[in-house]
C-alpha atoms as a PDB file:
ATOM      1  CA  MET A   1     -33.937   7.589 -36.202  1.00  0.00           C
ATOM      2  CA  LYS A   2     -32.002   4.311 -36.316  1.00  0.00           C
ATOM      3  CA  ILE A   3     -32.133   1.517 -38.502  1.00  0.00           C
ATOM      4  CA  PHE A   4     -32.640  -1.873 -36.984  1.00  0.00           C
ATOM      5  CA  ARG A   5     -32.530  -5.108 -38.343  1.00  0.00           C
ATOM      6  CA  ILE A   6     -35.139  -8.286 -36.688  1.00  0.00           C
ATOM      7  CA  MET A   7     -34.049 -11.423 -36.480  1.00  0.00           C
ATOM      8  CA  GLN A   8     -35.618 -15.224 -36.205  1.00  0.00           C
ATOM      9  CA  ALA A   9     -32.797 -16.148 -33.595  1.00  0.00           C
ATOM     10  CA  ALA A  10     -33.359 -19.630 -33.848  1.00  0.00           C
ATOM     11  CA  THR A  11     -33.058 -19.493 -37.925  1.00  0.00           C
ATOM     12  CA  GLY A  12     -31.147 -16.553 -38.727  1.00  0.00           C
ATOM     13  CA  ALA A  13     -33.695 -15.378 -40.586  1.00  0.00           C
ATOM     14  CA  VAL A  14     -33.972 -11.597 -41.360  1.00  0.00           C
ATOM     15  CA  LEU A  15     -37.823 -10.538 -40.948  1.00  0.00           C
ATOM     16  CA  TRP A  16     -37.156  -6.864 -41.053  1.00  0.00           C
ATOM     17  CA  ILE A  17     -34.816  -3.922 -41.568  1.00  0.00           C
ATOM     18  CA  GLY A  18     -35.955  -0.450 -41.225  1.00  0.00           C
ATOM     19  CA  ALA A  19     -36.304   2.554 -39.022  1.00  0.00           C
ATOM     20  CA  ALA A  20     -37.715   3.292 -35.688  1.00  0.00           C
ATOM     21  CA  LEU A  21     -36.645   5.026 -32.144  1.00  0.00           C
ATOM     22  CA  ASP A  22     -35.758   2.179 -30.836  1.00  0.00           C
ATOM     23  CA  ALA A  23     -35.994  -1.745 -30.326  1.00  0.00           C
ATOM     24  CA  LEU A  24     -39.182  -1.825 -28.960  1.00  0.00           C
ATOM     25  CA  ALA A  25     -40.845   0.745 -31.358  1.00  0.00           C
ATOM     26  CA  ALA A  26     -39.120  -1.236 -34.295  1.00  0.00           C
ATOM     27  CA  LEU A  27     -40.772  -4.820 -33.191  1.00  0.00           C
ATOM     28  CA  ASP A  28     -43.869  -2.718 -33.595  1.00  0.00           C
ATOM     29  CA  THR A  29     -43.513  -0.983 -36.870  1.00  0.00           C
ATOM     30  CA  MET A  30     -42.627  -4.689 -38.233  1.00  0.00           C
ATOM     31  CA  ALA A  31     -45.582  -6.645 -36.844  1.00  0.00           C
ATOM     32  CA  SER A  32     -47.903  -3.486 -38.503  1.00  0.00           C
ATOM     33  CA  ALA A  33     -45.946  -3.699 -41.363  1.00  0.00           C
ATOM     34  CA  ALA A  34     -47.232  -7.206 -41.568  1.00  0.00           C
ATOM     35  CA  GLY A  35     -50.432  -6.779 -40.782  1.00  0.00           C
ATOM     36  CA  TYR A  36     -50.519  -6.776 -37.080  1.00  0.00           C
ATOM     37  CA  ARG A  37     -51.892  -4.179 -34.566  1.00  0.00           C
ATOM     38  CA  ASP A  38     -48.141  -4.094 -32.972  1.00  0.00           C
ATOM     39  CA  SER A  39     -45.525  -6.588 -31.457  1.00  0.00           C
ATOM     40  CA  SER A  40     -48.054  -8.549 -28.908  1.00  0.00           C
ATOM     41  CA  GLY A  41     -49.966  -9.882 -32.421  1.00  0.00           C
ATOM     42  CA  ILE A  42     -46.512 -11.579 -34.010  1.00  0.00           C
ATOM     43  CA  PRO A  43     -47.720 -15.333 -33.767  1.00  0.00           C
ATOM     44  CA  PRO A  44     -45.764 -17.638 -32.081  1.00  0.00           C
ATOM     45  CA  HIS A  45     -44.472 -19.759 -34.790  1.00  0.00           C
ATOM     46  CA  LEU A  46     -42.358 -16.479 -35.373  1.00  0.00           C
ATOM     47  CA  ARG A  47     -41.541 -15.899 -31.709  1.00  0.00           C
ATOM     48  CA  ALA A  48     -40.158 -19.582 -31.248  1.00  0.00           C
ATOM     49  CA  GLY A  49     -36.447 -19.626 -30.842  1.00  0.00           C
ATOM     50  CA  GLY A  50     -36.597 -15.759 -29.839  1.00  0.00           C
ATOM     51  CA  LEU A  51     -36.900 -12.464 -31.890  1.00  0.00           C
ATOM     52  CA  TYR A  52     -33.242 -10.531 -32.112  1.00  0.00           C
ATOM     53  CA  VAL A  53     -33.220  -7.135 -32.803  1.00  0.00           C
ATOM     54  CA  GLU A  54     -30.203  -5.702 -33.628  1.00  0.00           C
ATOM     55  CA  GLU A  55     -29.003  -1.610 -34.316  1.00  0.00           C
ATOM     56  CA  VAL A  56     -27.549  -1.684 -37.674  1.00  0.00           C
ATOM     57  CA  GLU A  57     -24.715   1.144 -38.320  1.00  0.00           C
ATOM     58  CA  VAL A  58     -24.874   3.040 -40.876  1.00  0.00           C
ATOM     59  CA  ARG A  59     -21.768   4.314 -42.632  1.00  0.00           C
ATOM     60  CA  SER A  60     -21.680   6.795 -45.175  1.00  0.00           C
END
């Protein structure tokens, strides 16, 4: 598992940080945590301006 951060690109607001296998799984996991079935259910006002998914480097 990797750690991802998902931000609303237009505002820079962090929407979610968590573990997932890849960027698409991270979007689905974020959506599920917010009560949606998967990333296709994310409302248009959150998608406006784009969603930015980045892998977070974990240092030990």
